[in-house]
């Protein structure tokens, strides 16, 4: 009854109980305004976190052992295998740009997750078949196993393309940012989301990799497929608890409209006051609708919001609201942050390639005949992240809130910058340890690699979580899934750049007669490559600091109130 009253008499909205209903762009399972008590929040988020845990279990179970499989089973050389791993991770983390666009524009997050999860499971099934059916097994004629294997893992890439951006965005959508308590919960959501990711990673690189090493690759595939299928079933059970953000069509069209309108009115003079620019009045706003406040950057685009006397020219391709103009400014202002995050991504790309390969040359024996699988050493990154996220969210953030008065404790870009510093430290430590390994007369224990993995995990707890929150929070409201895809594209582009950098360095050092990437790690010079990455990362931090200092955070208006995101 109260919902109908709001629909038919918006002027009486003040009479409604703000804690009972969730107003805005979300609906419940039946397409109605969601009730706060029975939908969303952590109850719904746990179903979403559960399927993410399963997906990350599969992803890390495959990705961390991929370089081992390519070199030992498919017999590729180190350089080729490293590039193939980087290409696969690059595709896997750039495909979300397509998945995020589809989710935001047409089908919504829920159905994008459902469809992409099915494709993901089909890829796992094909991977299982490539190791179970005799004619498809490794060593067969015409390398049919290699062909099927790559088709399978790239099907998983396609599945990840829809799964990753839509699912994380869907999880964050379960918290109402207009509600003070739920807004704080959403800030913690990204920390605990990464806790779940790291937990999946931890099991993936220990239990799954152990099964691959000591039982069979086929057994590991069966486990991964079963877990993923089971988690999708649990996800479907949670449907009635979810809040669903309705897609609003292509978010790109309004951007083109702003550019076209600004160019068409390029000869007009700016009004004396920004208040003279066109905007929807707060009295015309739908309940929960958000407007963006005017900023003085990229003033040329403001011309799109200049009102003209001729009312026939007042159409979307000639006149845009201040909010539409500011949304385009948000995306443009993100580009420098995206670019300066790439060197960080290049540094962390080494954890799944050269870091893992280093472990194969070291003493992995624990007791008796028990050997740590090479890929399992990656678990230390997950441990570093899990501990850091837990301490940061439960101890550090509450203290920082009291000191800074900021709900997040520190600003998002500061958090990302701290993570970048840790990534440079990790490269320096990796270079020193690799130098020691090369000069050692005896075989070093594998736990000499622990510092570089743990420091990388700590850096991820700051930078990776920060990038997720930044790109989700600072994009226009209609582009939340694409925002997560933008974050993932940093990792994807960084992996492609890592492959390019490896190729360039390999050719240059080979011509100099001192190849850094020899087929034998003992005659290679990974330590010099790590020093190069540390230098690039350190120089980039200076550029990032300059960009971050000039950045303006999104400033929104909700029913007459302004607040900074």
Protein backbone atom coordinates (compact mmCIF):
# COMPACT_ATOMS: atom_id res chain seq x y z
CA UNK A 1 0.00 0.00 0.00
CA UNK A 2 2.84 2.34 0.90
CA UNK A 3 4.59 1.59 -2.39
CA UNK A 4 1.47 2.46 -4.36
CA UNK A 5 1.15 5.70 -2.39
CA UNK A 6 4.69 6.63 -3.41
CA UNK A 7 3.99 5.84 -7.07
CA UNK A 8 0.75 7.81 -7.24
CA UNK A 9 1.63 10.68 -4.89
CA UNK A 10 5.35 11.47 -4.97
CA UNK A 11 4.72 14.67 -3.05
CA UNK A 12 3.85 12.54 -0.01
CA UNK A 13 7.15 10.69 -0.13
CA UNK A 14 8.30 12.33 3.11
CA UNK A 15 5.57 10.41 4.89
CA UNK A 16 7.09 7.06 3.96
CA UNK A 17 9.49 5.22 6.16
CA UNK A 18 12.97 5.56 4.63
CA UNK A 19 14.16 2.46 6.47
CA UNK A 20 11.39 0.27 5.05
CA UNK A 21 11.89 0.72 1.30
CA UNK A 22 14.92 1.03 -0.98
CA UNK A 23 14.22 3.80 -3.46
CA UNK A 24 16.30 4.28 -6.60
CA UNK A 25 17.04 2.28 -9.72
CA UNK A 26 16.76 -1.16 -8.10
CA UNK A 27 13.80 -3.53 -7.96
CA UNK A 28 13.16 -6.80 -6.17
CA UNK A 29 12.58 -10.29 -7.58
CA UNK A 30 8.99 -9.35 -8.54
CA UNK A 31 9.95 -6.06 -10.19
CA UNK A 32 8.70 -3.92 -7.30
CA UNK A 33 10.43 -1.46 -4.98
CA UNK A 34 12.58 -3.60 -2.64
CA UNK A 35 11.88 -3.88 1.07
CA UNK A 36 15.05 -3.13 3.01
CA UNK A 37 14.57 -5.87 5.62
CA UNK A 38 14.00 -8.75 3.19
CA UNK A 39 16.35 -7.91 0.31
CA UNK A 40 19.93 -6.95 -0.27
CA UNK A 41 22.63 -6.21 2.30
CA UNK A 42 24.89 -9.05 3.51
CA UNK A 43 22.13 -11.67 3.30
CA UNK A 44 22.05 -11.33 -0.48
CA UNK A 45 25.75 -10.54 -0.83
CA UNK A 46 26.78 -13.87 0.71
CA UNK A 47 25.12 -15.82 -2.14
CA UNK A 48 27.08 -13.66 -4.59
CA UNK A 49 30.36 -13.97 -2.70
CA UNK A 50 29.88 -17.75 -2.68
CA UNK A 51 29.84 -18.13 -6.46
CA UNK A 52 32.78 -15.74 -6.74
CA UNK A 53 34.74 -17.97 -4.36
CA UNK A 54 34.03 -20.96 -6.63
CA UNK A 55 34.97 -19.08 -9.80
CA UNK A 56 38.26 -17.88 -8.29
CA UNK A 57 38.99 -21.41 -7.08
CA UNK A 58 38.72 -22.57 -10.70
CA UNK A 59 40.57 -19.59 -12.14
CA UNK A 60 43.58 -19.79 -9.85
CA UNK A 61 43.62 -23.59 -10.01
CA UNK A 62 44.09 -23.20 -13.76
CA UNK A 63 46.12 -19.99 -14.07
CA UNK A 64 48.82 -20.61 -11.46
CA UNK A 65 49.64 -24.07 -12.87
CA UNK A 66 49.28 -22.96 -16.49
CA UNK A 67 52.96 -22.15 -17.07
CA UNK A 68 53.89 -25.54 -15.56
CA UNK A 69 51.41 -27.33 -17.85
CA UNK A 70 52.61 -25.47 -20.95
CA UNK A 71 56.26 -26.25 -20.31
CA UNK A 72 56.01 -29.81 -18.96
CA UNK A 73 52.99 -31.26 -20.79
CA UNK A 74 52.84 -29.20 -24.01
CA UNK A 75 56.66 -28.81 -24.01
CA UNK A 76 56.77 -25.08 -24.75
CA UNK A 77 59.94 -23.10 -23.98
CA UNK A 78 59.90 -20.63 -21.05
CA UNK A 79 59.57 -17.46 -23.14
CA UNK A 80 56.70 -18.86 -25.25
CA UNK A 81 54.91 -20.26 -22.22
CA UNK A 82 55.23 -16.97 -20.29
CA UNK A 83 53.83 -15.04 -23.24
CA UNK A 84 50.94 -17.52 -23.66
CA UNK A 85 50.08 -17.15 -19.97
CA UNK A 86 50.17 -13.37 -20.27
CA UNK A 87 48.02 -13.46 -23.42
CA UNK A 88 45.44 -15.68 -21.74
CA UNK A 89 45.30 -13.57 -18.60
CA UNK A 90 45.20 -10.46 -20.78
CA UNK A 91 42.21 -11.72 -22.76
CA UNK A 92 40.53 -12.96 -19.58
CA UNK A 93 40.80 -9.55 -17.95
CA UNK A 94 39.86 -7.43 -20.99
CA UNK A 95 36.83 -9.49 -22.05
CA UNK A 96 34.89 -7.98 -19.09
CA UNK A 97 34.67 -4.72 -21.08
CA UNK A 98 32.21 -6.51 -23.37
CA UNK A 99 30.44 -8.34 -20.55
CA UNK A 100 30.12 -5.18 -18.48
CA UNK A 101 28.66 -3.25 -21.43
CA UNK A 102 26.06 -5.95 -22.06
CA UNK A 103 25.12 -6.08 -18.36
CA UNK A 104 24.75 -2.32 -17.98
CA UNK A 105 23.02 -1.72 -21.30
CA UNK A 106 20.71 -4.61 -22.02
CA UNK A 107 20.25 -7.68 -19.82
CA UNK A 108 21.27 -6.61 -16.31
CA UNK A 109 23.84 -8.13 -13.97
CA UNK A 110 21.90 -11.20 -12.86
CA UNK A 111 21.27 -12.68 -16.30
CA UNK A 112 24.80 -11.77 -17.44
CA UNK A 113 26.19 -13.75 -14.50
CA UNK A 114 23.86 -16.67 -15.24
CA UNK A 115 24.76 -16.89 -18.94
CA UNK A 116 28.50 -16.38 -18.43
CA UNK A 117 28.60 -18.97 -15.64
CA UNK A 118 27.11 -21.53 -18.02
CA UNK A 119 29.77 -20.74 -20.63
CA UNK A 120 32.40 -21.02 -17.91
CA UNK A 121 31.13 -24.47 -16.89
CA UNK A 122 31.09 -25.56 -20.55
CA UNK A 123 34.77 -24.54 -20.78
CA UNK A 124 35.56 -26.59 -17.67
CA UNK A 125 33.71 -29.57 -19.13
CA UNK A 126 35.67 -29.30 -22.38
CA UNK A 127 38.91 -29.06 -20.40
CA UNK A 128 37.91 -32.21 -18.51
CA UNK A 129 37.12 -34.02 -21.77
CA UNK A 130 40.53 -33.07 -23.23
CA UNK A 131 42.14 -35.11 -20.45
CA UNK A 132 39.59 -37.92 -20.19
CA UNK A 133 38.84 -38.98 -23.78
CA UNK A 134 41.77 -41.03 -25.18
CA UNK A 135 41.84 -39.37 -28.61
CA UNK A 136 41.98 -35.91 -26.99
CA UNK A 137 44.68 -36.69 -24.41
CA UNK A 138 48.20 -35.17 -24.59
CA UNK A 139 50.59 -36.89 -26.99
CA UNK A 140 47.94 -37.66 -29.59
CA UNK A 141 48.25 -37.09 -33.31
CA UNK A 142 48.03 -33.62 -34.88
CA UNK A 143 48.33 -31.99 -31.44
CA UNK A 144 44.55 -32.16 -31.09
CA UNK A 145 44.92 -31.97 -27.31
CA UNK A 146 46.66 -28.59 -27.56
CA UNK A 147 43.89 -27.25 -29.81
CA UNK A 148 41.06 -28.43 -27.53
CA UNK A 149 42.98 -27.26 -24.46
CA UNK A 150 43.31 -23.69 -25.75
CA UNK A 151 39.68 -23.63 -26.93
CA UNK A 152 38.62 -24.70 -23.42
CA UNK A 153 40.65 -22.13 -21.51
CA UNK A 154 39.55 -19.34 -23.85
CA UNK A 155 35.91 -20.39 -23.33
CA UNK A 156 36.65 -19.88 -19.64
CA UNK A 157 37.99 -16.42 -20.61
CA UNK A 158 34.69 -15.62 -22.32
CA UNK A 159 32.77 -16.82 -19.28
CA UNK A 160 34.93 -14.68 -17.03
CA UNK A 161 34.22 -11.73 -19.33
CA UNK A 162 30.61 -11.62 -18.20
CA UNK A 163 31.03 -13.17 -14.78
CA UNK A 164 33.62 -10.85 -13.22
CA UNK A 165 32.24 -7.34 -13.91
CA UNK A 166 28.57 -8.23 -13.52
CA UNK A 167 28.96 -10.30 -10.35
CA UNK A 168 31.07 -7.82 -8.40
CA UNK A 169 28.85 -4.93 -9.47
CA UNK A 170 25.77 -7.01 -8.59
CA UNK A 171 27.23 -7.64 -5.13
CA UNK A 172 27.91 -3.95 -4.49
CA UNK A 173 24.39 -3.11 -5.73
CA UNK A 174 22.97 -5.00 -2.74
CA UNK A 175 23.95 -2.07 -0.50
CA UNK A 176 21.99 1.20 -0.68
CA UNK A 177 24.43 4.10 -0.82
CA UNK A 178 21.67 6.50 0.32
CA UNK A 179 21.44 4.65 3.63
CA UNK A 180 24.24 5.52 6.08
CA UNK A 181 24.69 2.02 7.54
CA UNK A 182 24.49 0.20 4.20
CA UNK A 183 26.90 2.71 2.66
CA UNK A 184 29.52 1.75 5.26
CA UNK A 185 28.77 -1.92 4.63
CA UNK A 186 29.41 -1.41 0.92
CA UNK A 187 32.80 0.12 1.67
CA UNK A 188 33.65 -3.05 3.63
CA UNK A 189 32.14 -5.22 0.90
CA UNK A 190 35.12 -4.75 -1.42
CA UNK A 191 37.52 -5.78 1.34
CA UNK A 192 35.58 -8.97 2.16
CA UNK A 193 34.99 -9.63 -1.53
CA UNK A 194 38.76 -9.83 -1.94
CA UNK A 195 38.93 -11.96 1.20
CA UNK A 196 36.69 -14.48 -0.60
CA UNK A 197 38.77 -14.20 -3.77
CA UNK A 198 41.96 -14.86 -1.81
CA UNK A 199 40.36 -17.78 0.00
CA UNK A 200 39.43 -19.31 -3.36
CA UNK A 201 42.95 -18.59 -4.57
CA UNK A 202 44.45 -20.18 -1.45
CA UNK A 203 42.54 -23.44 -1.98
CA UNK A 204 43.11 -23.28 -5.73
CA UNK A 205 46.88 -23.08 -5.47
CA UNK A 206 47.17 -25.62 -2.64
CA UNK A 207 44.43 -28.27 -2.77
CA UNK A 208 43.74 -28.12 -6.52
CA UNK A 209 47.39 -27.81 -7.50
CA UNK A 210 48.26 -30.69 -5.14
CA UNK A 211 45.63 -32.84 -6.90
CA UNK A 212 47.09 -31.83 -10.27
CA UNK A 213 50.60 -32.71 -9.13
CA UNK A 214 49.97 -35.87 -7.11
CA UNK A 215 46.70 -37.38 -8.41
CA UNK A 216 45.95 -36.19 -11.96
CA UNK A 217 45.00 -33.13 -13.97
CA UNK A 218 41.71 -34.88 -14.79
CA UNK A 219 40.75 -35.28 -11.12
CA UNK A 220 41.38 -31.59 -10.51
CA UNK A 221 39.18 -30.67 -13.50
CA UNK A 222 36.33 -32.83 -12.17
CA UNK A 223 36.53 -31.11 -8.76
CA UNK A 224 36.54 -27.62 -10.31
CA UNK A 225 33.60 -28.38 -12.61
CA UNK A 226 31.55 -29.87 -9.77
CA UNK A 227 32.20 -26.97 -7.40
CA UNK A 228 31.36 -24.36 -10.05
CA UNK A 229 28.10 -26.11 -11.00
CA UNK A 230 27.10 -26.45 -7.33
CA UNK A 231 27.77 -22.78 -6.59
CA UNK A 232 25.64 -21.71 -9.55
CA UNK A 233 22.77 -23.73 -8.07
CA UNK A 234 23.20 -21.98 -4.70
CA UNK A 235 23.34 -18.61 -6.49
CA UNK A 236 19.98 -19.34 -8.12
CA UNK A 237 18.46 -20.17 -4.73
CA UNK A 238 19.27 -16.64 -3.57
CA UNK A 239 17.24 -14.94 -6.32
CA UNK A 240 14.43 -13.76 -4.05
CA UNK A 241 16.88 -11.94 -1.76
CA UNK A 242 18.60 -9.90 -4.49
CA UNK A 243 18.10 -6.28 -5.51
CA UNK A 244 18.22 -5.89 -9.29
CA UNK A 245 19.52 -2.73 -10.97
CA UNK A 246 17.55 -2.14 -14.17
CA UNK A 247 19.64 -1.59 -17.36
CA UNK A 248 19.06 1.80 -18.94
CA UNK A 249 20.31 1.26 -22.48
CA UNK A 250 23.73 2.00 -23.88
CA UNK A 251 25.67 4.36 -21.59
CA UNK A 252 27.73 5.45 -24.59
CA UNK A 253 24.89 7.23 -26.42
CA UNK A 254 24.65 10.10 -23.88
CA UNK A 255 28.41 10.65 -24.21
CA UNK A 256 28.11 11.04 -27.98
CA UNK A 257 25.16 13.38 -27.47
CA UNK A 258 27.21 15.60 -25.15
CA UNK A 259 30.11 15.77 -27.63
CA UNK A 260 27.80 16.51 -30.59
CA UNK A 261 25.92 19.21 -28.63
CA UNK A 262 29.15 20.82 -27.39
CA UNK A 263 30.61 20.93 -30.92
CA UNK A 264 27.34 22.30 -32.36
CA UNK A 265 27.36 25.14 -29.79
CA UNK A 266 31.10 25.73 -29.79
CA UNK A 267 30.69 29.40 -30.82
CA UNK A 268 28.37 30.23 -27.93
CA UNK A 269 29.80 32.00 -24.88
CA UNK A 270 29.80 30.36 -21.48
CA UNK A 271 27.14 31.76 -19.12
CA UNK A 272 28.40 33.90 -16.22
CA UNK A 273 27.23 31.36 -13.66
CA UNK A 274 27.10 27.53 -13.86
CA UNK A 275 23.59 27.78 -12.41
CA UNK A 276 22.45 29.04 -15.82
CA UNK A 277 23.35 25.70 -17.40
CA UNK A 278 20.53 23.25 -18.02
CA UNK A 279 19.75 20.69 -15.33
CA UNK A 280 16.72 18.77 -14.08
CA UNK A 281 15.38 20.46 -10.94
CA UNK A 282 15.44 18.48 -7.71
CA UNK A 283 11.64 18.70 -7.55
CA UNK A 284 11.49 16.73 -10.82
CA UNK A 285 13.89 14.05 -9.60
CA UNK A 286 12.59 10.56 -9.04
CA UNK A 287 13.05 9.16 -5.56
CA UNK A 288 16.68 8.07 -5.16
CA UNK A 289 17.82 9.64 -8.45
CA UNK A 290 21.25 11.24 -8.31
CA UNK A 291 22.51 14.35 -10.07
CA UNK A 292 26.14 15.40 -10.43
CA UNK A 293 27.35 18.82 -9.34
CA UNK A 294 29.09 21.06 -11.86
CA UNK A 295 32.90 21.12 -12.02
CA UNK A 296 35.15 23.65 -13.76
CA UNK A 297 37.32 21.12 -15.61
CA UNK A 298 36.92 20.47 -19.37
CA UNK A 299 34.80 23.61 -19.69
CA UNK A 300 34.33 23.14 -23.43
CA UNK A 301 31.93 20.29 -22.73
CA UNK A 302 29.77 22.65 -20.61
CA UNK A 303 28.54 24.21 -23.84
CA UNK A 304 26.38 21.13 -24.36
CA UNK A 305 24.27 22.32 -21.38
CA UNK A 306 23.77 25.90 -22.59
CA UNK A 307 20.07 26.68 -23.14
CA UNK A 308 19.11 28.26 -26.45
CA UNK A 309 16.01 30.38 -27.08
CA UNK A 310 14.87 28.21 -29.99
CA UNK A 311 12.91 25.42 -28.29
CA UNK A 312 13.10 23.26 -31.43
CA UNK A 313 16.82 22.88 -30.71
CA UNK A 314 16.17 21.55 -27.22
CA UNK A 315 16.57 17.85 -28.00
CA UNK A 316 19.12 15.32 -26.66
CA UNK A 317 21.58 15.82 -29.53
CA UNK A 318 21.55 19.58 -29.02
CA UNK A 319 21.01 19.99 -25.27
CA UNK A 320 22.39 17.89 -22.42
CA UNK A 321 21.95 18.22 -18.67
CA UNK A 322 24.84 19.17 -16.41
CA UNK A 323 24.74 15.62 -15.05
CA UNK A 324 25.27 14.10 -18.51
CA UNK A 325 28.14 16.50 -19.14
CA UNK A 326 29.73 15.66 -15.79
CA UNK A 327 29.37 11.92 -16.46
CA UNK A 328 31.50 12.30 -19.58
CA UNK A 329 34.01 14.36 -17.58
CA UNK A 330 34.21 11.53 -15.03
CA UNK A 331 35.22 9.03 -17.70
CA UNK A 332 37.78 11.39 -19.25
CA UNK A 333 39.29 12.16 -15.82
CA UNK A 334 39.67 8.42 -15.18
CA UNK A 335 41.99 7.91 -18.14
CA UNK A 336 45.16 9.22 -16.41
CA UNK A 337 44.43 7.05 -13.35
CA UNK A 338 43.93 4.01 -15.61
CA UNK A 339 47.19 4.66 -17.47
CA UNK A 340 49.27 5.21 -14.32
CA UNK A 341 47.90 1.96 -12.84
CA UNK A 342 49.42 -0.09 -15.69
CA UNK A 343 52.99 -0.40 -14.29
CA UNK A 344 51.50 -1.75 -11.06
CA UNK A 345 49.66 -4.36 -13.15
CA UNK A 346 52.88 -5.29 -14.95
CA UNK A 347 54.58 -5.93 -11.60
CA UNK A 348 51.85 -8.23 -10.29
CA UNK A 349 51.75 -10.07 -13.64
CA UNK A 350 55.10 -11.63 -12.69
CA UNK A 351 53.57 -13.58 -9.79
CA UNK A 352 51.81 -16.02 -12.12
CA UNK A 353 54.74 -16.47 -14.51
CA UNK A 354 58.35 -15.91 -13.46
CA UNK A 355 57.71 -16.12 -9.71
CA UNK A 356 56.14 -19.56 -10.20
CA UNK A 357 58.86 -20.70 -12.58
CA UNK A 358 61.52 -19.66 -10.06
CA UNK A 359 60.02 -22.07 -7.53
CA UNK A 360 60.68 -25.03 -9.87
CA UNK A 361 64.45 -24.48 -9.48
CA UNK A 362 64.37 -24.43 -5.67
CA UNK A 363 64.19 -27.05 -2.94
CA UNK A 364 60.48 -27.69 -2.36
CA UNK A 365 60.86 -30.68 -0.05
CA UNK A 366 59.12 -30.32 3.33
CA UNK A 367 59.42 -33.71 4.99
CA UNK A 368 60.30 -37.11 3.57
CA UNK A 369 58.96 -37.43 0.05
CA UNK A 370 56.49 -34.53 0.26
CA UNK A 371 57.22 -31.81 -2.29
CA UNK A 372 55.34 -28.51 -2.44
CA UNK A 373 53.86 -28.18 -5.96
CA UNK A 374 55.54 -25.22 -7.70
CA UNK A 375 52.29 -23.31 -8.20
CA UNK A 376 51.31 -23.71 -4.53
CA UNK A 377 53.87 -21.12 -3.47
CA UNK A 378 51.43 -18.57 -4.94
CA UNK A 379 49.29 -19.24 -1.85
CA UNK A 380 51.57 -16.87 0.06
CA UNK A 381 50.17 -13.97 -2.00
CA UNK A 382 46.67 -14.94 -0.92
CA UNK A 383 47.81 -15.23 2.70
CA UNK A 384 49.34 -11.75 2.55
CA UNK A 385 46.14 -10.31 1.09
CA UNK A 386 43.81 -12.11 3.53
CA UNK A 387 45.74 -10.95 6.60
CA UNK A 388 46.11 -7.40 5.25
CA UNK A 389 42.43 -7.02 4.34
CA UNK A 390 41.31 -8.38 7.71
CA UNK A 391 43.60 -6.11 9.71
CA UNK A 392 42.88 -3.09 7.51
CA UNK A 393 39.07 -3.38 7.64
CA UNK A 394 38.68 -4.37 11.29
CA UNK A 395 41.47 -2.39 12.97
CA UNK A 396 42.99 0.30 10.78
CA UNK A 397 39.88 1.76 9.09
CA UNK A 398 37.95 2.41 12.36
CA UNK A 399 40.99 4.27 13.74
CA UNK A 400 41.50 6.24 10.52
CA UNK A 401 37.83 7.26 10.48
CA UNK A 402 38.27 8.91 13.86
CA UNK A 403 41.43 10.70 12.74
CA UNK A 404 40.45 11.80 9.22
CA UNK A 405 36.65 11.96 9.47
CA UNK A 406 36.52 10.07 6.15
CA UNK A 407 34.09 7.13 6.00
CA UNK A 408 36.71 5.11 4.13
CA UNK A 409 39.49 6.02 6.52
CA UNK A 410 41.66 7.39 3.70
CA UNK A 411 40.80 8.48 0.18
CA UNK A 412 40.59 5.77 -2.47
CA UNK A 413 43.48 7.11 -4.54
CA UNK A 414 45.73 7.23 -1.46
CA UNK A 415 44.99 3.58 -0.84
CA UNK A 416 45.90 2.70 -4.44
CA UNK A 417 49.15 4.67 -4.17
CA UNK A 418 50.19 2.74 -1.05
CA UNK A 419 49.64 -0.52 -2.95
CA UNK A 420 51.84 0.73 -5.80
CA UNK A 421 54.67 1.40 -3.35
CA UNK A 422 54.41 -2.17 -2.04
CA UNK A 423 54.59 -3.53 -5.63
CA UNK A 424 57.89 -1.69 -6.20
CA UNK A 425 59.24 -3.05 -2.91
CA UNK A 426 58.20 -6.55 -4.02
CA UNK A 427 60.21 -6.19 -7.26
CA UNK A 428 63.29 -4.99 -5.35
CA UNK A 429 63.03 -7.94 -2.94
CA UNK A 430 62.49 -10.35 -5.86
CA UNK A 431 65.62 -9.02 -7.59
CA UNK A 432 67.74 -9.45 -4.46
CA UNK A 433 66.49 -12.99 -3.82
CA UNK A 434 66.99 -14.04 -7.44
CA UNK A 435 70.55 -12.68 -7.34
CA UNK A 436 71.20 -14.70 -4.20
CA UNK A 437 69.75 -17.83 -5.87
CA UNK A 438 72.01 -17.39 -8.90
CA UNK A 439 75.11 -16.94 -6.73
CA UNK A 440 74.29 -19.71 -4.28
CA UNK A 441 76.38 -22.88 -4.50
CA UNK A 442 73.58 -24.94 -2.95
CA UNK A 443 69.92 -25.15 -3.85
CA UNK A 444 67.92 -22.57 -1.90
CA UNK A 445 64.70 -23.51 -0.13
CA UNK A 446 61.50 -22.42 -1.87
CA UNK A 447 60.48 -20.27 1.10
CA UNK A 448 63.16 -17.78 0.16
CA UNK A 449 60.47 -16.62 -2.30
CA UNK A 450 57.99 -15.99 0.53
CA UNK A 451 58.85 -12.28 1.03
CA UNK A 452 58.16 -11.28 -2.60
CA UNK A 453 54.85 -13.18 -2.64
CA UNK A 454 53.67 -11.85 0.73
CA UNK A 455 54.62 -8.24 -0.08
CA UNK A 456 52.77 -8.56 -3.40
CA UNK A 457 49.70 -9.76 -1.46
CA UNK A 458 49.90 -6.78 0.90
CA UNK A 459 50.17 -4.45 -2.09
CA UNK A 460 47.12 -6.12 -3.66
CA UNK A 461 45.13 -5.52 -0.46
CA UNK A 462 45.65 -1.80 -0.97
CA UNK A 463 45.86 -1.29 -4.74
CA UNK A 464 43.61 -4.05 -6.12
CA UNK A 465 40.82 -3.41 -3.60
CA UNK A 466 41.27 0.33 -4.10
CA UNK A 467 41.05 0.05 -7.88
CA UNK A 468 37.87 -2.04 -7.61
CA UNK A 469 36.21 0.50 -5.33
CA UNK A 470 37.46 3.46 -7.37
CA UNK A 471 36.18 2.26 -10.72
CA UNK A 472 32.85 1.09 -9.27
CA UNK A 473 32.28 4.28 -7.29
CA UNK A 474 33.52 6.98 -9.66
CA UNK A 475 31.85 5.89 -12.91
CA UNK A 476 28.34 7.14 -13.77
CA UNK A 477 25.62 5.19 -11.96
CA UNK A 478 24.51 3.54 -15.22
CA UNK A 479 28.00 2.07 -15.81
CA UNK A 480 28.74 0.17 -12.61
CA UNK A 481 29.50 -3.17 -14.34
CA UNK A 482 31.64 -1.38 -16.91
CA UNK A 483 33.42 0.31 -14.01
CA UNK A 484 34.50 -3.09 -12.68
CA UNK A 485 35.49 -4.00 -16.24
CA UNK A 486 37.70 -0.88 -16.40
CA UNK A 487 39.54 -2.11 -13.30
CA UNK A 488 39.96 -5.58 -14.82
CA UNK A 489 41.18 -4.05 -18.09
CA UNK A 490 44.08 -2.51 -16.15
CA UNK A 491 45.22 -6.03 -15.26
CA UNK A 492 44.52 -7.29 -18.79
CA UNK A 493 46.35 -4.48 -20.56
CA UNK A 494 49.22 -4.82 -18.08
CA UNK A 495 49.61 -8.51 -18.98
CA UNK A 496 49.76 -7.65 -22.68
CA UNK A 497 52.35 -4.96 -21.90
CA UNK A 498 54.28 -7.46 -19.80
CA UNK A 499 54.43 -9.82 -22.81
CA UNK A 500 55.56 -6.95 -25.04
CA UNK A 501 58.19 -5.90 -22.53
CA UNK A 502 59.49 -9.49 -22.28
CA UNK A 503 59.76 -9.68 -26.08
CA UNK A 504 61.61 -6.34 -26.35
CA UNK A 505 63.98 -7.11 -23.48
CA UNK A 506 64.64 -10.60 -24.85
CA UNK A 507 65.60 -9.28 -28.30
CA UNK A 508 67.74 -6.45 -26.95
CA UNK A 509 69.64 -8.59 -24.43
CA UNK A 510 70.09 -11.41 -26.95
CA UNK A 511 71.76 -8.99 -29.36
CA UNK A 512 74.00 -7.85 -26.49
CA UNK A 513 75.03 -11.49 -26.00
CA UNK A 514 73.65 -11.76 -22.46
CA UNK A 515 70.06 -12.99 -22.75
CA UNK A 516 67.95 -12.30 -19.64
CA UNK A 517 65.42 -15.04 -20.54
CA UNK A 518 67.40 -18.13 -21.35
CA UNK A 519 65.66 -21.53 -21.47
CA UNK A 520 67.59 -22.39 -18.31
CA UNK A 521 66.75 -20.08 -15.41
CA UNK A 522 70.22 -20.63 -13.92
CA UNK A 523 71.76 -18.91 -16.93
CA UNK A 524 69.07 -16.22 -17.15
CA UNK A 525 69.03 -12.84 -15.41
CA UNK A 526 65.54 -12.42 -14.00
CA UNK A 527 67.07 -10.27 -11.27
CA UNK A 528 67.88 -7.57 -13.84
CA UNK A 529 64.35 -7.75 -15.23
CA UNK A 530 62.95 -7.26 -11.72
CA UNK A 531 65.21 -4.22 -11.22
CA UNK A 532 63.89 -2.81 -14.50
CA UNK A 533 60.30 -3.26 -13.31
CA UNK A 534 61.13 -1.65 -9.97
CA UNK A 535 62.60 1.39 -11.76
CA UNK A 536 59.55 1.69 -14.03
CA UNK A 537 57.21 1.36 -11.04
CA UNK A 538 59.10 3.97 -8.97
CA UNK A 539 59.05 6.49 -11.82
CA UNK A 540 55.36 5.80 -12.37
CA UNK A 541 54.51 6.49 -8.71
CA UNK A 542 55.71 10.07 -9.20
CA UNK A 543 53.44 10.45 -12.24
CA UNK A 544 50.53 8.83 -10.36
CA UNK A 545 50.97 11.20 -7.39
CA UNK A 546 50.77 14.21 -9.71
CA UNK A 547 47.60 12.88 -11.36
CA UNK A 548 45.96 11.89 -8.06
CA UNK A 549 46.66 15.31 -6.53
CA UNK A 550 44.66 17.01 -9.30
CA UNK A 551 41.79 14.52 -9.32
CA UNK A 552 38.28 15.68 -8.36
CA UNK A 553 35.99 13.05 -6.82
CA UNK A 554 32.40 12.61 -7.95
CA UNK A 555 30.09 15.09 -6.20
CA UNK A 556 26.42 14.07 -6.22
CA UNK A 557 23.10 15.61 -5.30
CA UNK A 558 20.32 13.41 -3.93
CA UNK A 559 16.99 15.12 -3.22
CA UNK A 560 18.74 18.42 -2.54
CA UNK A 561 21.69 17.06 -0.52
CA UNK A 562 25.29 17.11 -1.75
CA UNK A 563 27.93 14.59 -0.80
CA UNK A 564 31.27 13.50 -2.19
CA UNK A 565 31.77 9.88 -3.19
